[in-house]
Amino acid sequence: MKKRMLAAIFGGLLSMAASAAEYNISVDRVQIDTGDFVKEGIGYNGASPGPVLRFKEGEEVTINVTNNLDEMTSIHWHGLILPFEQDGVPGISFAGIKPGETFTY
């Protein structure tokens, strides 16, 4: 009985640990086709709009953002609570992600 109880407890802990997700996002120059014209823009993972990331409240995730642009960039997050130093305009509230570098949130 005790072994089953421990297995159930540890099994639950393992499934909770496995739910921690990791996402990789690249910031890229992309071609945006409006149907009437094609224009160069900035996209995520090679597309615009980029991927939708959905999380549950209280879930901890790791997001690796790689800057493939030739200029500094950052991501302004909506709906996430994170330190102000990681959210905002490069050089003002966030140092920014240099070209070719990856920043982990």
N, C-alpha and C. Protein backbone atom coordinates (compact mmCIF):
# COMPACT_ATOMS: atom_id res chain seq x y z
N MET A 1 0.82 -1.19 0.00
CA MET A 1 0.00 0.00 0.00
C MET A 1 0.87 1.26 0.00
N LYS A 2 1.90 1.29 0.89
CA LYS A 2 2.77 2.46 0.95
C LYS A 2 3.51 2.66 -0.37
N LYS A 3 3.93 1.56 -0.99
CA LYS A 3 4.66 1.67 -2.26
C LYS A 3 3.76 2.27 -3.34
N ARG A 4 2.49 1.87 -3.35
CA ARG A 4 1.56 2.43 -4.33
C ARG A 4 1.35 3.92 -4.08
N MET A 5 1.23 4.28 -2.81
CA MET A 5 1.01 5.69 -2.46
C MET A 5 2.22 6.52 -2.89
N LEU A 6 3.43 6.05 -2.61
CA LEU A 6 4.63 6.78 -3.03
C LEU A 6 4.72 6.85 -4.54
N ALA A 7 4.39 5.76 -5.22
CA ALA A 7 4.43 5.77 -6.68
C ALA A 7 3.44 6.79 -7.23
N ALA A 8 2.27 6.88 -6.61
CA ALA A 8 1.27 7.85 -7.06
C ALA A 8 1.75 9.27 -6.82
N ILE A 9 2.36 9.51 -5.66
CA ILE A 9 2.86 10.85 -5.35
C ILE A 9 3.99 11.23 -6.30
N PHE A 10 4.98 10.35 -6.45
CA PHE A 10 6.11 10.67 -7.30
C PHE A 10 5.70 10.73 -8.77
N GLY A 11 4.76 9.87 -9.17
CA GLY A 11 4.25 9.94 -10.53
C GLY A 11 3.61 11.28 -10.81
N GLY A 12 2.85 11.80 -9.83
CA GLY A 12 2.24 13.13 -9.97
C GLY A 12 3.29 14.21 -10.06
N LEU A 13 4.33 14.12 -9.24
CA LEU A 13 5.39 15.12 -9.29
C LEU A 13 6.12 15.08 -10.62
N LEU A 14 6.36 13.90 -11.13
CA LEU A 14 7.04 13.79 -12.42
C LEU A 14 6.20 14.39 -13.54
N SER A 15 4.89 14.15 -13.50
CA SER A 15 4.06 14.72 -14.56
C SER A 15 4.00 16.23 -14.45
N MET A 16 4.05 16.78 -13.22
CA MET A 16 4.07 18.23 -13.07
C MET A 16 5.38 18.78 -13.60
N ALA A 17 6.49 18.13 -13.33
CA ALA A 17 7.78 18.60 -13.81
C ALA A 17 7.84 18.53 -15.33
N ALA A 18 7.22 17.51 -15.89
CA ALA A 18 7.25 17.36 -17.34
C ALA A 18 6.42 18.43 -18.04
N SER A 19 5.50 19.08 -17.30
CA SER A 19 4.64 20.08 -17.95
C SER A 19 5.37 21.41 -18.17
N ALA A 20 6.54 21.58 -17.55
CA ALA A 20 7.32 22.80 -17.79
C ALA A 20 7.77 22.78 -19.25
N ALA A 21 7.38 23.79 -20.00
CA ALA A 21 7.63 23.80 -21.44
C ALA A 21 8.79 24.71 -21.80
N GLU A 22 9.41 24.41 -22.92
CA GLU A 22 10.47 25.25 -23.47
C GLU A 22 10.12 25.57 -24.92
N TYR A 23 10.21 26.84 -25.27
CA TYR A 23 9.89 27.30 -26.61
C TYR A 23 11.11 27.99 -27.20
N ASN A 24 11.31 27.81 -28.50
CA ASN A 24 12.38 28.48 -29.23
C ASN A 24 11.75 29.38 -30.28
N ILE A 25 12.07 30.66 -30.21
CA ILE A 25 11.52 31.64 -31.15
C ILE A 25 12.68 32.33 -31.84
N SER A 26 12.59 32.47 -33.15
CA SER A 26 13.57 33.26 -33.88
C SER A 26 12.90 34.52 -34.41
N VAL A 27 13.63 35.62 -34.38
CA VAL A 27 13.15 36.89 -34.94
C VAL A 27 13.83 37.04 -36.29
N ASP A 28 13.03 37.11 -37.36
CA ASP A 28 13.56 37.03 -38.72
C ASP A 28 12.96 38.11 -39.63
N ARG A 29 13.67 38.42 -40.71
CA ARG A 29 13.09 39.19 -41.81
C ARG A 29 12.24 38.21 -42.61
N VAL A 30 11.01 38.62 -42.92
CA VAL A 30 10.11 37.76 -43.68
C VAL A 30 9.43 38.55 -44.79
N GLN A 31 8.95 37.85 -45.77
CA GLN A 31 8.15 38.45 -46.84
C GLN A 31 6.68 38.34 -46.43
N ILE A 32 5.99 39.48 -46.38
CA ILE A 32 4.58 39.50 -46.01
C ILE A 32 3.77 39.74 -47.27
N ASP A 33 2.96 38.77 -47.63
CA ASP A 33 2.14 38.85 -48.84
C ASP A 33 0.72 39.22 -48.43
N THR A 34 0.28 40.43 -48.78
CA THR A 34 -1.06 40.90 -48.43
C THR A 34 -2.11 40.47 -49.45
N GLY A 35 -1.65 39.91 -50.54
CA GLY A 35 -2.56 39.58 -51.63
C GLY A 35 -2.49 40.63 -52.73
N ASP A 36 -2.31 41.91 -52.33
CA ASP A 36 -2.16 43.00 -53.28
C ASP A 36 -0.70 43.33 -53.55
N PHE A 37 0.14 43.12 -52.55
CA PHE A 37 1.57 43.40 -52.70
C PHE A 37 2.35 42.59 -51.67
N VAL A 38 3.65 42.49 -51.90
CA VAL A 38 4.55 41.78 -50.99
C VAL A 38 5.50 42.80 -50.40
N LYS A 39 5.68 42.74 -49.10
CA LYS A 39 6.56 43.69 -48.41
C LYS A 39 7.41 42.93 -47.41
N GLU A 40 8.62 43.43 -47.17
CA GLU A 40 9.48 42.81 -46.17
C GLU A 40 9.08 43.33 -44.79
N GLY A 41 9.07 42.44 -43.83
CA GLY A 41 8.74 42.81 -42.46
C GLY A 41 9.51 41.95 -41.48
N ILE A 42 9.11 42.00 -40.25
CA ILE A 42 9.73 41.19 -39.20
C ILE A 42 8.72 40.16 -38.74
N GLY A 43 9.19 38.92 -38.63
CA GLY A 43 8.32 37.84 -38.20
C GLY A 43 9.01 36.98 -37.16
N TYR A 44 8.29 36.01 -36.69
CA TYR A 44 8.79 35.10 -35.67
C TYR A 44 8.70 33.68 -36.20
N ASN A 45 9.79 32.94 -36.09
CA ASN A 45 9.90 31.58 -36.63
C ASN A 45 9.57 31.56 -38.12
N GLY A 46 10.01 32.61 -38.82
CA GLY A 46 9.87 32.67 -40.27
C GLY A 46 8.49 33.04 -40.77
N ALA A 47 7.61 33.51 -39.89
CA ALA A 47 6.24 33.82 -40.32
C ALA A 47 5.74 35.10 -39.65
N SER A 48 4.74 35.70 -40.28
CA SER A 48 4.06 36.84 -39.69
C SER A 48 2.57 36.68 -39.98
N PRO A 49 1.73 36.59 -38.98
CA PRO A 49 2.08 36.68 -37.57
C PRO A 49 2.84 35.43 -37.11
N GLY A 50 3.49 35.57 -35.99
CA GLY A 50 4.28 34.48 -35.43
C GLY A 50 3.40 33.48 -34.69
N PRO A 51 4.02 32.54 -34.01
CA PRO A 51 3.27 31.50 -33.30
C PRO A 51 2.53 32.07 -32.09
N VAL A 52 1.43 31.44 -31.75
CA VAL A 52 0.69 31.78 -30.54
C VAL A 52 1.21 30.88 -29.43
N LEU A 53 1.61 31.48 -28.32
CA LEU A 53 2.05 30.71 -27.17
C LEU A 53 0.98 30.82 -26.09
N ARG A 54 0.47 29.71 -25.63
CA ARG A 54 -0.57 29.72 -24.59
C ARG A 54 -0.04 29.00 -23.36
N PHE A 55 -0.28 29.61 -22.22
CA PHE A 55 0.16 29.03 -20.96
C PHE A 55 -0.99 29.05 -19.97
N LYS A 56 -0.88 28.20 -18.97
CA LYS A 56 -1.84 28.21 -17.88
C LYS A 56 -1.29 29.11 -16.78
N GLU A 57 -2.18 29.77 -16.06
CA GLU A 57 -1.75 30.65 -14.97
C GLU A 57 -0.90 29.86 -13.98
N GLY A 58 0.25 30.42 -13.64
CA GLY A 58 1.16 29.78 -12.70
C GLY A 58 2.16 28.84 -13.36
N GLU A 59 1.97 28.52 -14.62
CA GLU A 59 2.89 27.64 -15.33
C GLU A 59 4.21 28.37 -15.59
N GLU A 60 5.31 27.70 -15.33
CA GLU A 60 6.61 28.27 -15.62
C GLU A 60 7.12 27.71 -16.94
N VAL A 61 7.58 28.61 -17.80
CA VAL A 61 8.08 28.19 -19.11
C VAL A 61 9.43 28.86 -19.36
N THR A 62 10.17 28.29 -20.28
CA THR A 62 11.42 28.88 -20.75
C THR A 62 11.22 29.24 -22.21
N ILE A 63 11.54 30.49 -22.56
CA ILE A 63 11.41 30.94 -23.94
C ILE A 63 12.76 31.46 -24.40
N ASN A 64 13.34 30.80 -25.38
CA ASN A 64 14.62 31.21 -25.97
C ASN A 64 14.33 32.00 -27.23
N VAL A 65 14.77 33.25 -27.27
CA VAL A 65 14.52 34.11 -28.42
C VAL A 65 15.85 34.41 -29.10
N THR A 66 15.99 34.01 -30.36
CA THR A 66 17.20 34.24 -31.14
C THR A 66 16.96 35.36 -32.14
N ASN A 67 17.83 36.36 -32.11
CA ASN A 67 17.72 37.52 -32.99
C ASN A 67 18.49 37.25 -34.28
N ASN A 68 17.78 37.03 -35.37
CA ASN A 68 18.40 36.84 -36.69
C ASN A 68 18.41 38.12 -37.51
N LEU A 69 18.08 39.24 -36.89
CA LEU A 69 18.11 40.53 -37.58
C LEU A 69 19.52 41.11 -37.53
N ASP A 70 19.74 42.20 -38.26
CA ASP A 70 21.04 42.88 -38.21
C ASP A 70 20.98 44.10 -37.29
N GLU A 71 20.01 44.11 -36.38
CA GLU A 71 19.85 45.19 -35.41
C GLU A 71 19.34 44.62 -34.10
N MET A 72 19.47 45.40 -33.02
CA MET A 72 18.96 44.98 -31.71
C MET A 72 17.45 44.81 -31.79
N THR A 73 16.93 43.92 -30.97
CA THR A 73 15.48 43.73 -30.91
C THR A 73 15.08 43.30 -29.51
N SER A 74 13.80 43.27 -29.28
CA SER A 74 13.25 42.74 -28.04
C SER A 74 11.82 42.31 -28.30
N ILE A 75 11.22 41.67 -27.34
CA ILE A 75 9.82 41.29 -27.43
C ILE A 75 9.09 41.94 -26.27
N HIS A 76 7.99 42.59 -26.58
CA HIS A 76 7.11 43.14 -25.54
C HIS A 76 6.00 42.12 -25.32
N TRP A 77 5.95 41.58 -24.14
CA TRP A 77 5.01 40.50 -23.84
C TRP A 77 3.69 41.07 -23.33
N HIS A 78 2.62 40.42 -23.69
CA HIS A 78 1.30 40.75 -23.16
C HIS A 78 0.79 39.54 -22.38
N GLY A 79 0.29 39.79 -21.19
CA GLY A 79 -0.29 38.72 -20.40
C GLY A 79 0.70 37.92 -19.58
N LEU A 80 1.97 38.31 -19.58
CA LEU A 80 2.98 37.61 -18.78
C LEU A 80 3.52 38.54 -17.71
N ILE A 81 3.80 37.98 -16.57
CA ILE A 81 4.43 38.75 -15.50
C ILE A 81 5.91 38.37 -15.51
N LEU A 82 6.74 39.37 -15.76
CA LEU A 82 8.18 39.15 -15.77
C LEU A 82 8.87 40.44 -15.35
N PRO A 83 10.13 40.37 -14.98
CA PRO A 83 10.84 41.58 -14.55
C PRO A 83 10.84 42.65 -15.64
N PHE A 84 10.64 43.91 -15.24
CA PHE A 84 10.56 45.00 -16.22
C PHE A 84 11.82 45.09 -17.06
N GLU A 85 12.95 44.64 -16.52
CA GLU A 85 14.21 44.71 -17.26
C GLU A 85 14.20 43.79 -18.48
N GLN A 86 13.24 42.88 -18.56
CA GLN A 86 13.17 41.93 -19.68
C GLN A 86 12.04 42.27 -20.65
N ASP A 87 11.33 43.35 -20.42
CA ASP A 87 10.16 43.63 -21.23
C ASP A 87 10.14 45.10 -21.64
N GLY A 88 10.41 45.36 -22.89
CA GLY A 88 10.33 46.74 -23.31
C GLY A 88 11.24 47.10 -24.45
N VAL A 89 11.64 48.35 -24.48
CA VAL A 89 12.40 48.92 -25.59
C VAL A 89 13.90 48.73 -25.34
N PRO A 90 14.63 48.17 -26.33
CA PRO A 90 16.08 48.02 -26.15
C PRO A 90 16.74 49.35 -25.81
N GLY A 91 17.58 49.32 -24.79
CA GLY A 91 18.31 50.52 -24.39
C GLY A 91 17.58 51.39 -23.39
N ILE A 92 16.30 51.10 -23.12
CA ILE A 92 15.56 51.90 -22.13
C ILE A 92 15.24 51.03 -20.92
N SER A 93 14.29 50.10 -21.07
CA SER A 93 13.96 49.23 -19.94
C SER A 93 14.51 47.82 -20.11
N PHE A 94 15.15 47.57 -21.24
CA PHE A 94 15.71 46.25 -21.53
C PHE A 94 16.94 46.45 -22.39
N ALA A 95 18.00 45.75 -22.08
CA ALA A 95 19.24 45.91 -22.84
C ALA A 95 19.08 45.50 -24.30
N GLY A 96 18.12 44.64 -24.60
CA GLY A 96 17.89 44.20 -25.97
C GLY A 96 18.65 42.93 -26.29
N ILE A 97 18.30 42.34 -27.41
CA ILE A 97 18.95 41.13 -27.88
C ILE A 97 19.79 41.52 -29.09
N LYS A 98 21.09 41.37 -28.97
CA LYS A 98 22.00 41.76 -30.06
C LYS A 98 21.85 40.82 -31.25
N PRO A 99 22.20 41.30 -32.45
CA PRO A 99 22.14 40.44 -33.64
C PRO A 99 22.93 39.15 -33.42
N GLY A 100 22.30 38.03 -33.79
CA GLY A 100 22.96 36.73 -33.67
C GLY A 100 22.94 36.12 -32.28
N GLU A 101 22.40 36.83 -31.29
CA GLU A 101 22.39 36.31 -29.93
C GLU A 101 21.02 35.76 -29.55
N THR A 102 21.04 34.93 -28.52
CA THR A 102 19.81 34.35 -27.97
C THR A 102 19.64 34.82 -26.54
N PHE A 103 18.43 35.23 -26.19
CA PHE A 103 18.10 35.63 -24.83
C PHE A 103 17.08 34.64 -24.30
N THR A 104 17.27 34.20 -23.07
CA THR A 104 16.35 33.25 -22.45
C THR A 104 15.49 33.95 -21.42
N TYR A 105 14.19 33.88 -21.61
CA TYR A 105 13.21 34.43 -20.67
C TYR A 105 12.78 33.32 -19.73
